[in-house]
Full PDB file with SEQRES, HELIX, SHEET, SSBOND, CRYST1, ORIGX, SCALE, CONECT and MASTER records, all heavy atoms in Angstrom:
SEQRES   1 A   37  LEU ARG GLN ALA GLU ALA CYS GLY GLN ALA VAL ASP LEU          
SEQRES   2 A   37  SER ASP ASP ILE VAL ARG PHE ILE ARG GLN CYS ARG GLY          
SEQRES   3 A   37  ALA LEU ALA THR VAL GLY GLY ALA PRO ALA GLU                  
HELIX    1 AA1 ARG A    2  ALA A    6  1                                   5    
HELIX    2 AA2 ASP A   15  THR A   30  1                                  16    
CRYST1    1.000    1.000    1.000  90.00  90.00  90.00 P 1           1          
ORIGX1      1.000000  0.000000  0.000000        0.00000                         
ORIGX2      0.000000  1.000000  0.000000        0.00000                         
ORIGX3      0.000000  0.000000  1.000000        0.00000                         
SCALE1      1.000000  0.000000  0.000000        0.00000                         
SCALE2      0.000000  1.000000  0.000000        0.00000                         
SCALE3      0.000000  0.000000  1.000000        0.00000                         
ATOM      1  N   LEU A   1      95.977 106.075 104.769  1.00  0.00           N  
ATOM      2  CA  LEU A   1      94.678 106.733 104.986  1.00  0.00           C  
ATOM      3  C   LEU A   1      93.480 105.697 104.726  1.00  0.00           C  
ATOM      4  O   LEU A   1      92.559 105.619 105.441  1.00  0.00           O  
ATOM      5  CB  LEU A   1      94.495 107.883 104.106  1.00  0.00           C  
ATOM      6  CG  LEU A   1      95.372 109.056 104.466  1.00  0.00           C  
ATOM      7  CD1 LEU A   1      95.382 110.215 103.409  1.00  0.00           C  
ATOM      8  CD2 LEU A   1      94.965 109.685 105.855  1.00  0.00           C  
ATOM      9  N   ARG A   2      93.710 104.908 103.659  1.00  0.00           N  
ATOM     10  CA  ARG A   2      92.667 103.800 103.382  1.00  0.00           C  
ATOM     11  C   ARG A   2      92.596 102.814 104.454  1.00  0.00           C  
ATOM     12  O   ARG A   2      91.527 102.389 104.810  1.00  0.00           O  
ATOM     13  CB  ARG A   2      93.036 103.152 102.044  1.00  0.00           C  
ATOM     14  CG  ARG A   2      92.756 103.964 100.766  1.00  0.00           C  
ATOM     15  CD  ARG A   2      91.278 104.090 100.464  1.00  0.00           C  
ATOM     16  NE  ARG A   2      91.185 104.906  99.282  1.00  0.00           N  
ATOM     17  CZ  ARG A   2      90.046 105.401  98.953  1.00  0.00           C  
ATOM     18  NH1 ARG A   2      88.973 105.271  99.731  1.00  0.00           N  
ATOM     19  NH2 ARG A   2      89.908 106.114  97.856  1.00  0.00           N  
ATOM     20  N   GLN A   3      93.764 102.441 105.033  1.00  0.00           N  
ATOM     21  CA  GLN A   3      93.728 101.505 106.158  1.00  0.00           C  
ATOM     22  C   GLN A   3      93.032 102.019 107.348  1.00  0.00           C  
ATOM     23  O   GLN A   3      92.288 101.335 107.994  1.00  0.00           O  
ATOM     24  CB  GLN A   3      95.208 101.125 106.454  1.00  0.00           C  
ATOM     25  CG  GLN A   3      95.340 100.047 107.502  1.00  0.00           C  
ATOM     26  CD  GLN A   3      96.750  99.694 107.756  1.00  0.00           C  
ATOM     27  OE1 GLN A   3      97.664 100.350 107.432  1.00  0.00           O  
ATOM     28  NE2 GLN A   3      96.931  98.558 108.512  1.00  0.00           N  
ATOM     29  N   ALA A   4      93.239 103.382 107.653  1.00  0.00           N  
ATOM     30  CA  ALA A   4      92.644 103.986 108.803  1.00  0.00           C  
ATOM     31  C   ALA A   4      91.110 103.976 108.591  1.00  0.00           C  
ATOM     32  O   ALA A   4      90.344 103.754 109.480  1.00  0.00           O  
ATOM     33  CB  ALA A   4      93.168 105.384 109.003  1.00  0.00           C  
ATOM     34  N   GLU A   5      90.680 104.276 107.363  1.00  0.00           N  
ATOM     35  CA  GLU A   5      89.274 104.381 107.064  1.00  0.00           C  
ATOM     36  C   GLU A   5      88.641 102.924 107.259  1.00  0.00           C  
ATOM     37  O   GLU A   5      87.589 102.774 107.744  1.00  0.00           O  
ATOM     38  CB  GLU A   5      89.054 104.781 105.570  1.00  0.00           C  
ATOM     39  CG  GLU A   5      87.675 104.836 105.112  1.00  0.00           C  
ATOM     40  CD  GLU A   5      86.712 105.750 105.919  1.00  0.00           C  
ATOM     41  OE1 GLU A   5      87.249 106.796 106.485  1.00  0.00           O  
ATOM     42  OE2 GLU A   5      85.513 105.528 106.009  1.00  0.00           O  
ATOM     43  N   ALA A   6      89.371 101.877 106.808  1.00  0.00           N  
ATOM     44  CA  ALA A   6      88.931 100.566 106.952  1.00  0.00           C  
ATOM     45  C   ALA A   6      88.689 100.168 108.413  1.00  0.00           C  
ATOM     46  O   ALA A   6      87.835  99.377 108.709  1.00  0.00           O  
ATOM     47  CB  ALA A   6      89.815  99.558 106.257  1.00  0.00           C  
ATOM     48  N   CYS A   7      89.514 100.748 109.245  1.00  0.00           N  
ATOM     49  CA  CYS A   7      89.399 100.471 110.709  1.00  0.00           C  
ATOM     50  C   CYS A   7      88.417 101.505 111.392  1.00  0.00           C  
ATOM     51  O   CYS A   7      88.267 101.352 112.562  1.00  0.00           O  
ATOM     52  CB  CYS A   7      90.784 100.575 111.358  1.00  0.00           C  
ATOM     53  SG  CYS A   7      91.946  99.337 110.849  1.00  0.00           S  
ATOM     54  N   GLY A   8      87.838 102.373 110.628  1.00  0.00           N  
ATOM     55  CA  GLY A   8      86.979 103.345 111.194  1.00  0.00           C  
ATOM     56  C   GLY A   8      87.600 104.377 112.079  1.00  0.00           C  
ATOM     57  O   GLY A   8      86.947 104.972 113.016  1.00  0.00           O  
ATOM     58  N   GLN A   9      88.874 104.710 111.733  1.00  0.00           N  
ATOM     59  CA  GLN A   9      89.606 105.682 112.558  1.00  0.00           C  
ATOM     60  C   GLN A   9      89.810 107.000 111.876  1.00  0.00           C  
ATOM     61  O   GLN A   9      89.927 107.065 110.666  1.00  0.00           O  
ATOM     62  CB  GLN A   9      91.024 105.105 112.881  1.00  0.00           C  
ATOM     63  CG  GLN A   9      91.062 103.896 113.598  1.00  0.00           C  
ATOM     64  CD  GLN A   9      92.502 103.302 113.701  1.00  0.00           C  
ATOM     65  OE1 GLN A   9      93.360 103.621 112.871  1.00  0.00           O  
ATOM     66  NE2 GLN A   9      92.705 102.500 114.756  1.00  0.00           N  
ATOM     67  N   ALA A  10      89.832 108.052 112.679  1.00  0.00           N  
ATOM     68  CA  ALA A  10      90.150 109.357 112.193  1.00  0.00           C  
ATOM     69  C   ALA A  10      91.670 109.432 112.237  1.00  0.00           C  
ATOM     70  O   ALA A  10      92.339 108.623 112.858  1.00  0.00           O  
ATOM     71  CB  ALA A  10      89.561 110.490 113.030  1.00  0.00           C  
ATOM     72  N   VAL A  11      92.296 110.421 111.506  1.00  0.00           N  
ATOM     73  CA  VAL A  11      93.658 110.514 111.394  1.00  0.00           C  
ATOM     74  C   VAL A  11      94.085 111.920 111.723  1.00  0.00           C  
ATOM     75  O   VAL A  11      93.482 112.805 111.326  1.00  0.00           O  
ATOM     76  CB  VAL A  11      94.125 110.131 109.954  1.00  0.00           C  
ATOM     77  CG1 VAL A  11      95.652 110.422 109.813  1.00  0.00           C  
ATOM     78  CG2 VAL A  11      93.806 108.651 109.626  1.00  0.00           C  
ATOM     79  N   ASP A  12      95.203 112.018 112.497  1.00  0.00           N  
ATOM     80  CA  ASP A  12      95.860 113.339 112.657  1.00  0.00           C  
ATOM     81  C   ASP A  12      97.172 113.311 111.849  1.00  0.00           C  
ATOM     82  O   ASP A  12      98.003 112.516 112.102  1.00  0.00           O  
ATOM     83  CB  ASP A  12      96.219 113.552 114.092  1.00  0.00           C  
ATOM     84  CG  ASP A  12      94.964 113.825 115.004  1.00  0.00           C  
ATOM     85  OD1 ASP A  12      93.987 114.452 114.465  1.00  0.00           O  
ATOM     86  OD2 ASP A  12      95.009 113.593 116.167  1.00  0.00           O  
ATOM     87  N   LEU A  13      97.191 114.241 110.871  1.00  0.00           N  
ATOM     88  CA  LEU A  13      98.445 114.273 110.063  1.00  0.00           C  
ATOM     89  C   LEU A  13      99.369 115.365 110.636  1.00  0.00           C  
ATOM     90  O   LEU A  13      98.954 116.488 110.961  1.00  0.00           O  
ATOM     91  CB  LEU A  13      98.127 114.623 108.638  1.00  0.00           C  
ATOM     92  CG  LEU A  13      97.329 113.564 107.803  1.00  0.00           C  
ATOM     93  CD1 LEU A  13      97.024 114.163 106.453  1.00  0.00           C  
ATOM     94  CD2 LEU A  13      98.062 112.313 107.779  1.00  0.00           C  
ATOM     95  N   SER A  14     100.598 115.055 110.738  1.00  0.00           N  
ATOM     96  CA  SER A  14     101.571 116.021 111.234  1.00  0.00           C  
ATOM     97  C   SER A  14     101.759 117.174 110.262  1.00  0.00           C  
ATOM     98  O   SER A  14     101.462 116.986 109.098  1.00  0.00           O  
ATOM     99  CB  SER A  14     102.893 115.407 111.532  1.00  0.00           C  
ATOM    100  OG  SER A  14     103.618 115.079 110.437  1.00  0.00           O  
ATOM    101  N   ASP A  15     102.270 118.268 110.734  1.00  0.00           N  
ATOM    102  CA  ASP A  15     102.538 119.449 109.878  1.00  0.00           C  
ATOM    103  C   ASP A  15     103.526 119.004 108.733  1.00  0.00           C  
ATOM    104  O   ASP A  15     103.426 119.527 107.572  1.00  0.00           O  
ATOM    105  CB  ASP A  15     103.051 120.611 110.689  1.00  0.00           C  
ATOM    106  CG  ASP A  15     102.052 121.207 111.621  1.00  0.00           C  
ATOM    107  OD1 ASP A  15     100.785 120.997 111.294  1.00  0.00           O  
ATOM    108  OD2 ASP A  15     102.397 121.810 112.641  1.00  0.00           O  
ATOM    109  N   ASP A  16     104.493 118.158 109.110  1.00  0.00           N  
ATOM    110  CA  ASP A  16     105.498 117.683 108.100  1.00  0.00           C  
ATOM    111  C   ASP A  16     104.811 116.939 106.976  1.00  0.00           C  
ATOM    112  O   ASP A  16     105.098 117.073 105.782  1.00  0.00           O  
ATOM    113  CB  ASP A  16     106.511 116.851 108.717  1.00  0.00           C  
ATOM    114  CG  ASP A  16     107.464 117.565 109.637  1.00  0.00           C  
ATOM    115  OD1 ASP A  16     107.546 118.813 109.465  1.00  0.00           O  
ATOM    116  OD2 ASP A  16     108.059 116.956 110.584  1.00  0.00           O  
ATOM    117  N   ILE A  17     103.733 116.050 107.304  1.00  0.00           N  
ATOM    118  CA  ILE A  17     103.099 115.336 106.228  1.00  0.00           C  
ATOM    119  C   ILE A  17     102.263 116.269 105.343  1.00  0.00           C  
ATOM    120  O   ILE A  17     102.228 116.126 104.269  1.00  0.00           O  
ATOM    121  CB  ILE A  17     102.221 114.267 106.862  1.00  0.00           C  
ATOM    122  CG1 ILE A  17     103.087 113.157 107.613  1.00  0.00           C  
ATOM    123  CG2 ILE A  17     101.333 113.577 105.809  1.00  0.00           C  
ATOM    124  CD1 ILE A  17     104.034 112.415 106.651  1.00  0.00           C  
ATOM    125  N   VAL A  18     101.609 117.220 106.020  1.00  0.00           N  
ATOM    126  CA  VAL A  18     100.804 118.186 105.288  1.00  0.00           C  
ATOM    127  C   VAL A  18     101.678 118.979 104.296  1.00  0.00           C  
ATOM    128  O   VAL A  18     101.379 119.158 103.164  1.00  0.00           O  
ATOM    129  CB  VAL A  18     100.039 119.171 106.212  1.00  0.00           C  
ATOM    130  CG1 VAL A  18      99.324 120.216 105.424  1.00  0.00           C  
ATOM    131  CG2 VAL A  18      99.017 118.338 107.043  1.00  0.00           C  
ATOM    132  N   ARG A  19     102.886 119.391 104.779  1.00  0.00           N  
ATOM    133  CA  ARG A  19     103.811 120.172 103.894  1.00  0.00           C  
ATOM    134  C   ARG A  19     104.323 119.256 102.792  1.00  0.00           C  
ATOM    135  O   ARG A  19     104.420 119.711 101.649  1.00  0.00           O  
ATOM    136  CB  ARG A  19     105.017 120.659 104.765  1.00  0.00           C  
ATOM    137  CG  ARG A  19     104.787 121.964 105.454  1.00  0.00           C  
ATOM    138  CD  ARG A  19     106.071 122.550 105.944  1.00  0.00           C  
ATOM    139  NE  ARG A  19     106.712 121.784 106.998  1.00  0.00           N  
ATOM    140  CZ  ARG A  19     106.372 121.895 108.322  1.00  0.00           C  
ATOM    141  NH1 ARG A  19     105.545 122.658 108.690  1.00  0.00           N  
ATOM    142  NH2 ARG A  19     106.951 121.060 109.161  1.00  0.00           N  
ATOM    143  N   PHE A  20     104.596 117.995 103.089  1.00  0.00           N  
ATOM    144  CA  PHE A  20     105.011 117.046 102.072  1.00  0.00           C  
ATOM    145  C   PHE A  20     103.901 116.877 100.939  1.00  0.00           C  
ATOM    146  O   PHE A  20     104.176 116.901  99.770  1.00  0.00           O  
ATOM    147  CB  PHE A  20     105.297 115.700 102.706  1.00  0.00           C  
ATOM    148  CG  PHE A  20     105.739 114.670 101.718  1.00  0.00           C  
ATOM    149  CD1 PHE A  20     106.958 114.766 101.098  1.00  0.00           C  
ATOM    150  CD2 PHE A  20     104.818 113.721 101.243  1.00  0.00           C  
ATOM    151  CE1 PHE A  20     107.334 113.779 100.164  1.00  0.00           C  
ATOM    152  CE2 PHE A  20     105.189 112.715 100.309  1.00  0.00           C  
ATOM    153  CZ  PHE A  20     106.452 112.745  99.775  1.00  0.00           C  
ATOM    154  N   ILE A  21     102.657 116.742 101.398  1.00  0.00           N  
ATOM    155  CA  ILE A  21     101.593 116.638 100.397  1.00  0.00           C  
ATOM    156  C   ILE A  21     101.494 117.820  99.530  1.00  0.00           C  
ATOM    157  O   ILE A  21     101.316 117.742  98.290  1.00  0.00           O  
ATOM    158  CB  ILE A  21     100.235 116.346 101.069  1.00  0.00           C  
ATOM    159  CG1 ILE A  21     100.159 114.936 101.728  1.00  0.00           C  
ATOM    160  CG2 ILE A  21      99.058 116.463 100.144  1.00  0.00           C  
ATOM    161  CD1 ILE A  21      98.988 114.682 102.686  1.00  0.00           C  
ATOM    162  N   ARG A  22     101.669 119.035 100.078  1.00  0.00           N  
ATOM    163  CA  ARG A  22     101.597 120.285  99.358  1.00  0.00           C  
ATOM    164  C   ARG A  22     102.823 120.324  98.389  1.00  0.00           C  
ATOM    165  O   ARG A  22     102.738 120.766  97.241  1.00  0.00           O  
ATOM    166  CB  ARG A  22     101.619 121.538 100.275  1.00  0.00           C  
ATOM    167  CG  ARG A  22     100.277 121.696 100.885  1.00  0.00           C  
ATOM    168  CD  ARG A  22     100.332 122.908 101.786  1.00  0.00           C  
ATOM    169  NE  ARG A  22      99.033 123.106 102.511  1.00  0.00           N  
ATOM    170  CZ  ARG A  22      98.879 123.531 103.705  1.00  0.00           C  
ATOM    171  NH1 ARG A  22      99.937 124.027 104.321  1.00  0.00           N  
ATOM    172  NH2 ARG A  22      97.709 123.645 104.194  1.00  0.00           N  
ATOM    173  N   GLN A  23     103.932 119.831  98.884  1.00  0.00           N  
ATOM    174  CA  GLN A  23     105.200 119.840  97.996  1.00  0.00           C  
ATOM    175  C   GLN A  23     104.949 118.936  96.794  1.00  0.00           C  
ATOM    176  O   GLN A  23     105.279 119.250  95.679  1.00  0.00           O  
ATOM    177  CB  GLN A  23     106.402 119.359  98.789  1.00  0.00           C  
ATOM    178  CG  GLN A  23     107.624 119.223  97.990  1.00  0.00           C  
ATOM    179  CD  GLN A  23     108.765 118.487  98.732  1.00  0.00           C  
ATOM    180  OE1 GLN A  23     108.614 118.136  99.834  1.00  0.00           O  
ATOM    181  NE2 GLN A  23     109.905 118.397  98.096  1.00  0.00           N  
ATOM    182  N   CYS A  24     104.376 117.784  97.083  1.00  0.00           N  
ATOM    183  CA  CYS A  24     104.148 116.793  95.889  1.00  0.00           C  
ATOM    184  C   CYS A  24     103.155 117.529  94.955  1.00  0.00           C  
ATOM    185  O   CYS A  24     103.401 117.381  93.692  1.00  0.00           O  
ATOM    186  CB  CYS A  24     103.463 115.556  96.467  1.00  0.00           C  
ATOM    187  SG  CYS A  24     104.683 114.519  97.418  1.00  0.00           S  
ATOM    188  N   ARG A  25     102.101 118.134  95.435  1.00  0.00           N  
ATOM    189  CA  ARG A  25     101.148 118.669  94.483  1.00  0.00           C  
ATOM    190  C   ARG A  25     101.785 119.827  93.706  1.00  0.00           C  
ATOM    191  O   ARG A  25     101.539 120.017  92.495  1.00  0.00           O  
ATOM    192  CB  ARG A  25      99.942 119.157  95.266  1.00  0.00           C  
ATOM    193  CG  ARG A  25      99.091 117.993  95.733  1.00  0.00           C  
ATOM    194  CD  ARG A  25      97.884 118.431  96.501  1.00  0.00           C  
ATOM    195  NE  ARG A  25      96.953 117.389  96.775  1.00  0.00           N  
ATOM    196  CZ  ARG A  25      95.942 117.435  97.541  1.00  0.00           C  
ATOM    197  NH1 ARG A  25      95.691 118.523  98.201  1.00  0.00           N  
ATOM    198  NH2 ARG A  25      95.159 116.397  97.637  1.00  0.00           N  
ATOM    199  N   GLY A  26     102.639 120.616  94.394  1.00  0.00           N  
ATOM    200  CA  GLY A  26     103.344 121.673  93.677  1.00  0.00           C  
ATOM    201  C   GLY A  26     104.224 121.165  92.635  1.00  0.00           C  
ATOM    202  O   GLY A  26     104.335 121.737  91.500  1.00  0.00           O  
ATOM    203  N   ALA A  27     104.987 120.153  92.968  1.00  0.00           N  
ATOM    204  CA  ALA A  27     105.911 119.560  91.987  1.00  0.00           C  
ATOM    205  C   ALA A  27     105.137 119.029  90.822  1.00  0.00           C  
ATOM    206  O   ALA A  27     105.609 119.136  89.700  1.00  0.00           O  
ATOM    207  CB  ALA A  27     106.818 118.464  92.644  1.00  0.00           C  
ATOM    208  N   LEU A  28     104.045 118.334  91.061  1.00  0.00           N  
ATOM    209  CA  LEU A  28     103.229 117.776  90.018  1.00  0.00           C  
ATOM    210  C   LEU A  28     102.719 118.889  89.087  1.00  0.00           C  
ATOM    211  O   LEU A  28     102.698 118.780  87.919  1.00  0.00           O  
ATOM    212  CB  LEU A  28     102.097 116.976  90.576  1.00  0.00           C  
ATOM    213  CG  LEU A  28     101.161 116.246  89.568  1.00  0.00           C  
ATOM    214  CD1 LEU A  28     101.999 115.247  88.748  1.00  0.00           C  
ATOM    215  CD2 LEU A  28     100.132 115.526  90.327  1.00  0.00           C  
ATOM    216  N   ALA A  29     102.311 119.968  89.686  1.00  0.00           N  
ATOM    217  CA  ALA A  29     101.757 121.107  88.825  1.00  0.00           C  
ATOM    218  C   ALA A  29     102.868 121.731  87.986  1.00  0.00           C  
ATOM    219  O   ALA A  29     102.646 122.119  86.866  1.00  0.00           O  
ATOM    220  CB  ALA A  29     101.166 122.140  89.763  1.00  0.00           C  
ATOM    221  N   THR A  30     104.142 121.654  88.508  1.00  0.00           N  
ATOM    222  CA  THR A  30     105.240 122.324  87.807  1.00  0.00           C  
ATOM    223  C   THR A  30     105.551 121.427  86.555  1.00  0.00           C  
ATOM    224  O   THR A  30     105.941 122.032  85.521  1.00  0.00           O  
ATOM    225  CB  THR A  30     106.479 122.259  88.759  1.00  0.00           C  
ATOM    226  OG1 THR A  30     106.232 123.041  89.892  1.00  0.00           O  
ATOM    227  CG2 THR A  30     107.652 122.796  87.976  1.00  0.00           C  
ATOM    228  N   VAL A  31     105.362 120.172  86.592  1.00  0.00           N  
ATOM    229  CA  VAL A  31     105.740 119.305  85.404  1.00  0.00           C  
ATOM    230  C   VAL A  31     104.509 119.110  84.558  1.00  0.00           C  
ATOM    231  O   VAL A  31     104.529 118.374  83.534  1.00  0.00           O  
ATOM    232  CB  VAL A  31     106.347 117.979  85.859  1.00  0.00           C  
ATOM    233  CG1 VAL A  31     107.586 118.130  86.508  1.00  0.00           C  
ATOM    234  CG2 VAL A  31     105.355 117.175  86.642  1.00  0.00           C  
ATOM    235  N   GLY A  32     103.399 119.810  84.897  1.00  0.00           N  
ATOM    236  CA  GLY A  32     102.283 119.651  84.058  1.00  0.00           C  
ATOM    237  C   GLY A  32     101.178 118.631  84.323  1.00  0.00           C  
ATOM    238  O   GLY A  32     100.360 118.331  83.491  1.00  0.00           O  
ATOM    239  N   GLY A  33     101.226 118.110  85.507  1.00  0.00           N  
ATOM    240  CA  GLY A  33     100.325 117.070  85.922  1.00  0.00           C  
ATOM    241  C   GLY A  33      98.994 117.592  86.561  1.00  0.00           C  
ATOM    242  O   GLY A  33      98.153 116.883  86.879  1.00  0.00           O  
ATOM    243  N   ALA A  34      98.874 118.911  86.758  1.00  0.00           N  
ATOM    244  CA  ALA A  34      97.726 119.433  87.396  1.00  0.00           C  
ATOM    245  C   ALA A  34      96.650 119.738  86.350  1.00  0.00           C  
ATOM    246  O   ALA A  34      96.993 120.036  85.190  1.00  0.00           O  
ATOM    247  CB  ALA A  34      98.104 120.774  88.125  1.00  0.00           C  
ATOM    248  N   PRO A  35      95.415 119.722  86.741  1.00  0.00           N  
ATOM    249  CA  PRO A  35      94.400 119.997  85.689  1.00  0.00           C  
ATOM    250  C   PRO A  35      94.413 121.527  85.271  1.00  0.00           C  
ATOM    251  O   PRO A  35      94.856 122.356  86.042  1.00  0.00           O  
ATOM    252  CB  PRO A  35      93.052 119.753  86.514  1.00  0.00           C  
ATOM    253  CG  PRO A  35      93.439 119.844  87.951  1.00  0.00           C  
ATOM    254  CD  PRO A  35      94.935 119.446  87.970  1.00  0.00           C  
ATOM    255  N   ALA A  36      94.013 121.771  84.104  1.00  0.00           N  
ATOM    256  CA  ALA A  36      94.045 123.204  83.570  1.00  0.00           C  
ATOM    257  C   ALA A  36      93.004 123.977  84.290  1.00  0.00           C  
ATOM    258  O   ALA A  36      91.953 123.428  84.744  1.00  0.00           O  
ATOM    259  CB  ALA A  36      93.732 123.140  82.089  1.00  0.00           C  
ATOM    260  N   GLU A  37      93.266 125.284  84.533  1.00  0.00           N  
ATOM    261  CA  GLU A  37      92.419 126.124  85.173  1.00  0.00           C  
ATOM    262  C   GLU A  37      91.866 127.104  84.101  1.00  0.00           C  
ATOM    263  O   GLU A  37      92.511 127.480  83.258  1.00  0.00           O  
ATOM    264  CB  GLU A  37      93.175 126.925  86.277  1.00  0.00           C  
ATOM    265  CG  GLU A  37      93.514 126.065  87.389  1.00  0.00           C  
ATOM    266  CD  GLU A  37      94.170 126.893  88.513  1.00  0.00           C  
ATOM    267  OE1 GLU A  37      94.017 128.152  88.510  1.00  0.00           O  
ATOM    268  OE2 GLU A  37      94.897 126.296  89.327  1.00  0.00           O  
TER     269      GLU A  37                                                      
MASTER        0    0    0    2    0    0    0    6  268    1    0    3          
END                                                                             
């Protein structure tokens, strides 16, 4: 994403990548890495 920004490009993320990002965030929250609410 940083490389795309440096080139001035927009990015289309596939549904698989979006699901992967959500999975990572969920896993991080499970082990206590998410900010407190």
